[in-house]
Amino acid sequence: MDKNRYKQQFYDDHYERIHLAVPKGMKEIIKTLASEKGMSVNAYLQDLVRKDQEGMFDTMQIADRNREQIAGIQGNMHDGYDVIFKDGHQIHCRTKKDVRAGIIEYCKEKD
């Protein structure tokens, strides 16, 4: 496999692309905000998502030692919550209490 094909295969295996459409003028605002923080637009948007996830982790009172194994949590009180672990495992929970219990149980199994 040549160098370019190897790099493309690595990218395909580890990254996903998102097409983001914003209202006219918003692109420059985002670029300016990212630049002011010394970040690329990509890094800035990822940082915003991470902060949002941290807020969800705080709301659900998830222990720091378990947070590092979680890729993300999505959902709401009406539909329930999906917890996605960094190893690809997923669990669906109806309540925040179930989320905490499910994370603790899965993390104990992993150890």
N, C-alpha and C. Protein backbone atom coordinates (compact mmCIF):
# COMPACT_ATOMS: atom_id res chain seq x y z
N MET A 1 0.85 -1.18 0.00
CA MET A 1 0.00 0.00 0.00
C MET A 1 0.90 1.24 0.00
N ASP A 2 0.61 2.18 -0.88
CA ASP A 2 1.44 3.38 -0.92
C ASP A 2 1.06 4.34 0.21
N LYS A 3 1.91 5.33 0.41
CA LYS A 3 1.76 6.26 1.54
C LYS A 3 0.40 6.99 1.52
N ASN A 4 -0.01 7.47 0.37
CA ASN A 4 -1.28 8.21 0.28
C ASN A 4 -2.48 7.33 0.58
N ARG A 5 -2.49 6.12 0.05
CA ARG A 5 -3.60 5.20 0.32
C ARG A 5 -3.63 4.81 1.80
N TYR A 6 -2.44 4.63 2.40
CA TYR A 6 -2.37 4.30 3.83
C TYR A 6 -2.95 5.44 4.66
N LYS A 7 -2.56 6.67 4.35
CA LYS A 7 -3.07 7.83 5.08
C LYS A 7 -4.59 7.95 4.93
N GLN A 8 -5.09 7.75 3.70
CA GLN A 8 -6.53 7.83 3.46
C GLN A 8 -7.27 6.73 4.21
N GLN A 9 -6.70 5.52 4.24
CA GLN A 9 -7.33 4.42 4.96
C GLN A 9 -7.37 4.71 6.46
N PHE A 10 -6.28 5.26 7.00
CA PHE A 10 -6.24 5.63 8.42
C PHE A 10 -7.31 6.67 8.71
N TYR A 11 -7.41 7.68 7.86
CA TYR A 11 -8.41 8.73 8.03
C TYR A 11 -9.82 8.13 8.01
N ASP A 12 -10.08 7.27 7.03
CA ASP A 12 -11.40 6.65 6.92
C ASP A 12 -11.75 5.80 8.13
N ASP A 13 -10.75 5.14 8.71
CA ASP A 13 -10.97 4.27 9.87
C ASP A 13 -11.19 5.04 11.17
N HIS A 14 -10.64 6.26 11.26
CA HIS A 14 -10.63 6.97 12.54
C HIS A 14 -11.40 8.29 12.59
N TYR A 15 -11.86 8.77 11.45
CA TYR A 15 -12.52 10.07 11.43
C TYR A 15 -13.81 10.01 10.62
N GLU A 16 -14.70 10.95 10.93
CA GLU A 16 -15.92 11.14 10.17
C GLU A 16 -15.99 12.60 9.76
N ARG A 17 -16.59 12.85 8.65
CA ARG A 17 -16.70 14.20 8.13
C ARG A 17 -18.13 14.69 8.34
N ILE A 18 -18.26 15.96 8.71
CA ILE A 18 -19.57 16.59 8.89
C ILE A 18 -19.62 17.83 7.99
N HIS A 19 -20.66 17.93 7.21
CA HIS A 19 -20.87 19.13 6.40
C HIS A 19 -21.74 20.06 7.25
N LEU A 20 -21.23 21.23 7.55
CA LEU A 20 -21.92 22.16 8.43
C LEU A 20 -22.33 23.39 7.64
N ALA A 21 -23.60 23.70 7.64
CA ALA A 21 -24.11 24.89 6.96
C ALA A 21 -24.52 25.91 8.02
N VAL A 22 -24.04 27.13 7.87
CA VAL A 22 -24.37 28.21 8.81
C VAL A 22 -24.86 29.41 8.02
N PRO A 23 -25.62 30.29 8.66
CA PRO A 23 -26.10 31.49 7.96
C PRO A 23 -24.92 32.37 7.51
N LYS A 24 -25.13 33.11 6.43
CA LYS A 24 -24.10 34.03 5.92
C LYS A 24 -23.57 34.90 7.05
N GLY A 25 -22.26 35.02 7.12
CA GLY A 25 -21.61 35.83 8.14
C GLY A 25 -21.19 35.04 9.36
N MET A 26 -21.86 33.92 9.63
CA MET A 26 -21.55 33.11 10.81
C MET A 26 -20.18 32.43 10.67
N LYS A 27 -19.80 32.08 9.47
CA LYS A 27 -18.52 31.41 9.24
C LYS A 27 -17.37 32.29 9.75
N GLU A 28 -17.40 33.56 9.42
CA GLU A 28 -16.34 34.47 9.87
C GLU A 28 -16.36 34.64 11.38
N ILE A 29 -17.54 34.66 11.97
CA ILE A 29 -17.65 34.77 13.43
C ILE A 29 -17.01 33.56 14.08
N ILE A 30 -17.31 32.38 13.57
CA ILE A 30 -16.74 31.14 14.12
C ILE A 30 -15.22 31.14 13.97
N LYS A 31 -14.74 31.53 12.78
CA LYS A 31 -13.30 31.58 12.54
C LYS A 31 -12.61 32.56 13.49
N THR A 32 -13.24 33.71 13.72
CA THR A 32 -12.67 34.72 14.61
C THR A 32 -12.64 34.21 16.05
N LEU A 33 -13.74 33.61 16.51
CA LEU A 33 -13.78 33.07 17.87
C LEU A 33 -12.72 32.00 18.07
N ALA A 34 -12.56 31.12 17.08
CA ALA A 34 -11.54 30.07 17.17
C ALA A 34 -10.15 30.67 17.19
N SER A 35 -9.92 31.63 16.33
CA SER A 35 -8.61 32.29 16.23
C SER A 35 -8.24 32.99 17.54
N GLU A 36 -9.22 33.64 18.16
CA GLU A 36 -8.98 34.34 19.43
C GLU A 36 -8.55 33.38 20.54
N LYS A 37 -8.94 32.13 20.41
CA LYS A 37 -8.56 31.11 21.39
C LYS A 37 -7.33 30.33 20.94
N GLY A 38 -6.78 30.71 19.78
CA GLY A 38 -5.60 30.02 19.25
C GLY A 38 -5.92 28.62 18.76
N MET A 39 -7.13 28.43 18.25
CA MET A 39 -7.57 27.12 17.80
C MET A 39 -8.00 27.16 16.35
N SER A 40 -7.97 25.99 15.71
CA SER A 40 -8.57 25.87 14.39
C SER A 40 -10.08 25.80 14.57
N VAL A 41 -10.83 26.01 13.51
CA VAL A 41 -12.28 25.91 13.58
C VAL A 41 -12.68 24.51 14.02
N ASN A 42 -12.02 23.50 13.48
CA ASN A 42 -12.30 22.11 13.84
C ASN A 42 -12.09 21.88 15.34
N ALA A 43 -10.94 22.30 15.86
CA ALA A 43 -10.63 22.13 17.28
C ALA A 43 -11.63 22.91 18.15
N TYR A 44 -12.00 24.12 17.70
CA TYR A 44 -12.94 24.95 18.44
C TYR A 44 -14.30 24.27 18.56
N LEU A 45 -14.81 23.74 17.44
CA LEU A 45 -16.12 23.08 17.47
C LEU A 45 -16.07 21.81 18.32
N GLN A 46 -14.98 21.05 18.23
CA GLN A 46 -14.84 19.86 19.07
C GLN A 46 -14.80 20.24 20.54
N ASP A 47 -14.13 21.34 20.86
CA ASP A 47 -14.06 21.81 22.24
C ASP A 47 -15.44 22.18 22.77
N LEU A 48 -16.25 22.83 21.94
CA LEU A 48 -17.61 23.17 22.34
C LEU A 48 -18.44 21.93 22.63
N VAL A 49 -18.30 20.91 21.78
CA VAL A 49 -19.04 19.67 21.99
C VAL A 49 -18.57 18.99 23.28
N ARG A 50 -17.25 18.95 23.49
CA ARG A 50 -16.72 18.35 24.73
C ARG A 50 -17.26 19.05 25.97
N LYS A 51 -17.31 20.39 25.92
CA LYS A 51 -17.83 21.16 27.06
C LYS A 51 -19.31 20.84 27.29
N ASP A 52 -20.06 20.70 26.21
CA ASP A 52 -21.47 20.35 26.32
C ASP A 52 -21.62 18.96 26.96
N GLN A 53 -20.78 18.02 26.53
CA GLN A 53 -20.82 16.67 27.09
C GLN A 53 -20.42 16.70 28.57
N GLU A 54 -19.43 17.51 28.92
CA GLU A 54 -19.03 17.62 30.32
C GLU A 54 -20.19 18.13 31.17
N GLY A 55 -20.97 19.06 30.60
CA GLY A 55 -22.16 19.55 31.30
C GLY A 55 -23.15 18.43 31.53
N MET A 56 -23.32 17.56 30.54
CA MET A 56 -24.23 16.41 30.67
C MET A 56 -23.68 15.46 31.73
N PHE A 57 -22.36 15.22 31.71
CA PHE A 57 -21.74 14.34 32.70
C PHE A 57 -21.95 14.90 34.11
N ASP A 58 -21.80 16.23 34.25
CA ASP A 58 -21.99 16.86 35.56
C ASP A 58 -23.44 16.72 36.02
N THR A 59 -24.38 16.98 35.12
CA THR A 59 -25.80 16.89 35.44
C THR A 59 -26.16 15.48 35.90
N MET A 60 -25.55 14.49 35.27
CA MET A 60 -25.86 13.09 35.60
C MET A 60 -24.98 12.56 36.73
N GLN A 61 -24.10 13.40 37.23
CA GLN A 61 -23.22 13.04 38.36
C GLN A 61 -22.40 11.78 38.05
N ILE A 62 -21.75 11.80 36.88
CA ILE A 62 -20.92 10.67 36.48
C ILE A 62 -19.52 10.88 37.03
N ALA A 63 -18.99 9.86 37.68
CA ALA A 63 -17.68 9.95 38.32
C ALA A 63 -16.59 10.20 37.29
N ASP A 64 -15.59 10.97 37.67
CA ASP A 64 -14.47 11.29 36.78
C ASP A 64 -13.80 10.03 36.25
N ARG A 65 -13.63 9.02 37.08
CA ARG A 65 -12.92 7.80 36.65
C ARG A 65 -13.69 7.07 35.55
N ASN A 66 -15.01 7.27 35.46
CA ASN A 66 -15.81 6.61 34.43
C ASN A 66 -15.93 7.47 33.16
N ARG A 67 -15.78 8.79 33.30
CA ARG A 67 -15.93 9.70 32.15
C ARG A 67 -14.93 9.39 31.05
N GLU A 68 -13.74 8.98 31.42
CA GLU A 68 -12.70 8.77 30.42
C GLU A 68 -13.01 7.59 29.49
N GLN A 69 -13.95 6.74 29.88
CA GLN A 69 -14.33 5.60 29.04
C GLN A 69 -15.52 5.90 28.13
N ILE A 70 -16.12 7.08 28.29
CA ILE A 70 -17.33 7.43 27.56
C ILE A 70 -17.01 8.35 26.40
N ALA A 71 -17.47 7.98 25.21
CA ALA A 71 -17.30 8.83 24.03
C ALA A 71 -18.36 9.93 24.02
N GLY A 72 -19.56 9.60 24.49
CA GLY A 72 -20.62 10.60 24.51
C GLY A 72 -21.93 10.06 25.05
N ILE A 73 -22.79 11.00 25.41
CA ILE A 73 -24.15 10.67 25.85
C ILE A 73 -25.08 11.56 25.06
N GLN A 74 -26.14 10.95 24.54
CA GLN A 74 -27.14 11.74 23.82
C GLN A 74 -28.53 11.29 24.24
N GLY A 75 -29.47 12.19 24.12
CA GLY A 75 -30.84 11.85 24.45
C GLY A 75 -31.47 12.88 25.35
N ASN A 76 -32.63 12.49 25.90
CA ASN A 76 -33.38 13.40 26.75
C ASN A 76 -34.30 12.60 27.67
N MET A 77 -34.98 13.30 28.57
CA MET A 77 -35.84 12.64 29.55
C MET A 77 -37.01 11.91 28.88
N HIS A 78 -37.46 12.40 27.76
CA HIS A 78 -38.62 11.81 27.09
C HIS A 78 -38.27 10.49 26.38
N ASP A 79 -37.18 10.50 25.60
CA ASP A 79 -36.82 9.33 24.79
C ASP A 79 -35.81 8.41 25.46
N GLY A 80 -35.22 8.86 26.54
CA GLY A 80 -34.16 8.09 27.18
C GLY A 80 -32.80 8.55 26.68
N TYR A 81 -31.78 7.90 27.17
CA TYR A 81 -30.41 8.31 26.89
C TYR A 81 -29.62 7.14 26.30
N ASP A 82 -28.77 7.46 25.33
CA ASP A 82 -27.85 6.49 24.77
C ASP A 82 -26.45 6.86 25.24
N VAL A 83 -25.77 5.91 25.84
CA VAL A 83 -24.39 6.11 26.29
C VAL A 83 -23.51 5.34 25.32
N ILE A 84 -22.55 6.05 24.72
CA ILE A 84 -21.62 5.43 23.77
C ILE A 84 -20.24 5.42 24.42
N PHE A 85 -19.69 4.24 24.57
CA PHE A 85 -18.36 4.10 25.16
C PHE A 85 -17.31 4.18 24.06
N LYS A 86 -16.10 4.54 24.44
CA LYS A 86 -15.02 4.70 23.47
C LYS A 86 -14.69 3.41 22.74
N ASP A 87 -15.01 2.26 23.34
CA ASP A 87 -14.73 0.99 22.66
C ASP A 87 -15.86 0.58 21.71
N GLY A 88 -16.87 1.46 21.55
CA GLY A 88 -17.96 1.20 20.63
C GLY A 88 -19.21 0.61 21.27
N HIS A 89 -19.10 0.13 22.50
CA HIS A 89 -20.25 -0.43 23.20
C HIS A 89 -21.27 0.68 23.48
N GLN A 90 -22.56 0.34 23.39
CA GLN A 90 -23.63 1.30 23.66
C GLN A 90 -24.65 0.70 24.62
N ILE A 91 -25.21 1.57 25.44
CA ILE A 91 -26.33 1.16 26.28
C ILE A 91 -27.42 2.22 26.16
N HIS A 92 -28.67 1.80 26.29
CA HIS A 92 -29.80 2.72 26.29
C HIS A 92 -30.44 2.69 27.67
N CYS A 93 -30.70 3.86 28.21
CA CYS A 93 -31.27 3.97 29.56
C CYS A 93 -32.45 4.92 29.54
N ARG A 94 -33.43 4.66 30.38
CA ARG A 94 -34.62 5.51 30.44
C ARG A 94 -34.41 6.76 31.30
N THR A 95 -33.67 6.63 32.40
CA THR A 95 -33.52 7.75 33.33
C THR A 95 -32.04 8.04 33.58
N LYS A 96 -31.78 9.20 34.18
CA LYS A 96 -30.40 9.56 34.53
C LYS A 96 -29.84 8.59 35.56
N LYS A 97 -30.70 8.14 36.46
CA LYS A 97 -30.27 7.16 37.46
C LYS A 97 -29.84 5.86 36.78
N ASP A 98 -30.60 5.43 35.77
CA ASP A 98 -30.24 4.23 35.01
C ASP A 98 -28.92 4.43 34.26
N VAL A 99 -28.70 5.65 33.76
CA VAL A 99 -27.44 5.96 33.07
C VAL A 99 -26.26 5.74 34.02
N ARG A 100 -26.36 6.33 35.23
CA ARG A 100 -25.27 6.17 36.21
C ARG A 100 -25.05 4.70 36.54
N ALA A 101 -26.13 3.98 36.79
CA ALA A 101 -26.01 2.56 37.14
C ALA A 101 -25.42 1.75 35.98
N GLY A 102 -25.86 2.04 34.76
CA GLY A 102 -25.36 1.32 33.59
C GLY A 102 -23.89 1.57 33.34
N ILE A 103 -23.47 2.81 33.53
CA ILE A 103 -22.05 3.15 33.35
C ILE A 103 -21.20 2.46 34.39
N ILE A 104 -21.64 2.50 35.63
CA ILE A 104 -20.89 1.86 36.72
C ILE A 104 -20.78 0.36 36.45
N GLU A 105 -21.88 -0.27 36.07
CA GLU A 105 -21.88 -1.70 35.81
C GLU A 105 -20.94 -2.06 34.66
N TYR A 106 -21.02 -1.29 33.56
CA TYR A 106 -20.16 -1.59 32.41
C TYR A 106 -18.69 -1.37 32.74
N CYS A 107 -18.38 -0.30 33.46
CA CYS A 107 -16.99 -0.01 33.81
C CYS A 107 -16.43 -1.09 34.75
N LYS A 108 -17.27 -1.62 35.65
CA LYS A 108 -16.81 -2.69 36.53
C LYS A 108 -16.51 -3.96 35.74
N GLU A 109 -17.35 -4.25 34.74
CA GLU A 109 -17.11 -5.42 33.88
C GLU A 109 -15.79 -5.28 33.12
N LYS A 110 -15.48 -4.06 32.70
CA LYS A 110 -14.26 -3.79 31.92
C LYS A 110 -13.00 -3.96 32.77
N ASP A 111 -13.11 -3.69 34.07
CA ASP A 111 -11.93 -3.76 34.96
C ASP A 111 -11.67 -5.15 35.38
